[in-house]
Amino acid sequence: MNNSYLTPIELSEHPELAALRILKTSLDVTHLALLATYPESSEGSERCRTEEEAYAIAILYQIDALEAMVNEYVESTRRLAELRNREPSEEDISF
């Protein structure tokens, strides 16, 4: 999901994008907070010092996976809208 604002047309056609934008922002804040609390977790060290750090690392992995799914969903809605809005070409016209 890019950082541009959603247009009123996008929101009217896909209201779920507003909720997904809020989710993405929440995931970004959580990601930054966990990295600030456990800065060594971003170094990819396999050794966890505490149980809390192990959970933090697991949550960071899940955040990455969920953000990827959200981005793929948003991209698929964008591609579908482009397909619906394009003008038919001569190749699309059957005789």
Protein backbone atom coordinates (compact mmCIF):
# COMPACT_ATOMS: atom_id res chain seq x y z
CA MET A 1 0.00 0.00 0.00
CA ASN A 2 1.56 3.24 -1.08
CA ASN A 3 1.52 6.40 1.00
CA SER A 4 -0.76 8.40 -1.28
CA TYR A 5 -4.17 9.43 -0.04
CA LEU A 6 -7.20 7.46 -1.10
CA THR A 7 -9.52 9.35 -3.40
CA PRO A 8 -13.25 9.62 -2.73
CA ILE A 9 -13.88 7.47 -5.79
CA GLU A 10 -11.54 4.75 -4.50
CA LEU A 11 -13.26 4.83 -1.11
CA SER A 12 -16.74 4.66 -2.61
CA GLU A 13 -15.77 1.71 -4.81
CA HIS A 14 -13.68 -0.07 -2.16
CA PRO A 15 -14.54 1.10 1.39
CA GLU A 16 -12.40 -1.68 2.84
CA LEU A 17 -9.32 0.26 1.71
CA ALA A 18 -9.91 2.77 4.52
CA ALA A 19 -9.81 0.02 7.14
CA LEU A 20 -6.76 -1.52 5.48
CA ARG A 21 -4.99 1.87 5.57
CA ILE A 22 -5.67 2.09 9.31
CA LEU A 23 -4.41 -1.48 9.76
CA LYS A 24 -1.24 -0.69 7.78
CA THR A 25 -0.58 2.40 9.94
CA SER A 26 -1.11 0.36 13.12
CA LEU A 27 1.27 -2.32 11.87
CA ASP A 28 3.89 0.34 11.06
CA VAL A 29 3.62 1.83 14.57
CA THR A 30 3.81 -1.59 16.21
CA HIS A 31 6.79 -2.56 14.06
CA LEU A 32 8.68 0.61 15.02
CA ALA A 33 7.81 0.23 18.71
CA LEU A 34 9.04 -3.36 18.80
CA LEU A 35 12.26 -2.41 17.01
CA ALA A 36 12.80 0.44 19.46
CA THR A 37 12.27 -1.92 22.39
CA TYR A 38 14.37 -4.77 20.93
CA PRO A 39 16.84 -3.13 18.50
CA GLU A 40 18.98 -6.25 18.29
CA SER A 41 16.02 -8.17 16.84
CA SER A 42 16.48 -6.35 13.52
CA GLU A 43 19.99 -7.76 13.19
CA GLY A 44 18.63 -11.24 12.46
CA SER A 45 20.24 -12.87 15.47
CA GLU A 46 18.80 -16.34 16.01
CA ARG A 47 19.57 -16.21 19.72
CA CYS A 48 16.83 -14.60 21.82
CA ARG A 49 17.77 -13.24 25.18
CA THR A 50 14.29 -13.34 26.70
CA GLU A 51 10.90 -14.89 26.10
CA GLU A 52 9.49 -11.41 25.40
CA GLU A 53 12.11 -10.83 22.69
CA ALA A 54 11.22 -14.15 21.07
CA TYR A 55 7.57 -13.09 20.93
CA ALA A 56 8.58 -9.69 19.59
CA ILE A 57 10.54 -11.30 16.78
CA ALA A 58 7.63 -13.61 15.98
CA ILE A 59 5.28 -10.62 15.85
CA LEU A 60 7.71 -8.77 13.55
CA TYR A 61 7.65 -11.71 11.13
CA GLN A 62 3.85 -11.77 11.23
CA ILE A 63 3.69 -8.02 10.61
CA ASP A 64 5.84 -8.44 7.51
CA ALA A 65 3.61 -11.25 6.24
CA LEU A 66 0.38 -9.35 6.90
CA GLU A 67 1.71 -6.17 5.27
CA ALA A 68 2.61 -8.19 2.18
CA MET A 69 -0.92 -9.62 2.00
CA VAL A 70 -2.49 -6.18 2.44
CA ASN A 71 -0.26 -4.76 -0.30
CA GLU A 72 -1.18 -7.62 -2.65
CA TYR A 73 -4.89 -7.09 -1.98
CA VAL A 74 -4.64 -3.35 -2.66
CA GLU A 75 -2.65 -3.97 -5.83
CA SER A 76 -5.18 -6.51 -7.06
CA THR A 77 -8.05 -4.04 -6.54
CA ARG A 78 -6.06 -1.42 -8.46
CA ARG A 79 -5.43 -3.80 -11.37
CA LEU A 80 -9.06 -4.88 -11.45
CA ALA A 81 -10.21 -1.24 -11.52
CA GLU A 82 -7.84 -0.54 -14.40
CA LEU A 83 -9.24 -3.49 -16.35
CA ARG A 84 -12.81 -2.36 -15.75
CA ASN A 85 -12.08 1.24 -16.72
CA ARG A 86 -10.04 0.68 -19.85
CA GLU A 87 -11.63 1.34 -23.17
CA PRO A 88 -12.21 -1.71 -25.33
CA SER A 89 -9.61 -2.07 -28.03
CA GLU A 90 -10.19 -3.33 -31.55
CA GLU A 91 -8.91 -6.73 -30.42
CA ASP A 92 -11.69 -6.91 -27.81
CA ILE A 93 -14.44 -6.35 -30.36
CA SER A 94 -15.78 -9.57 -31.81
CA PHE A 95 -17.36 -9.70 -35.24
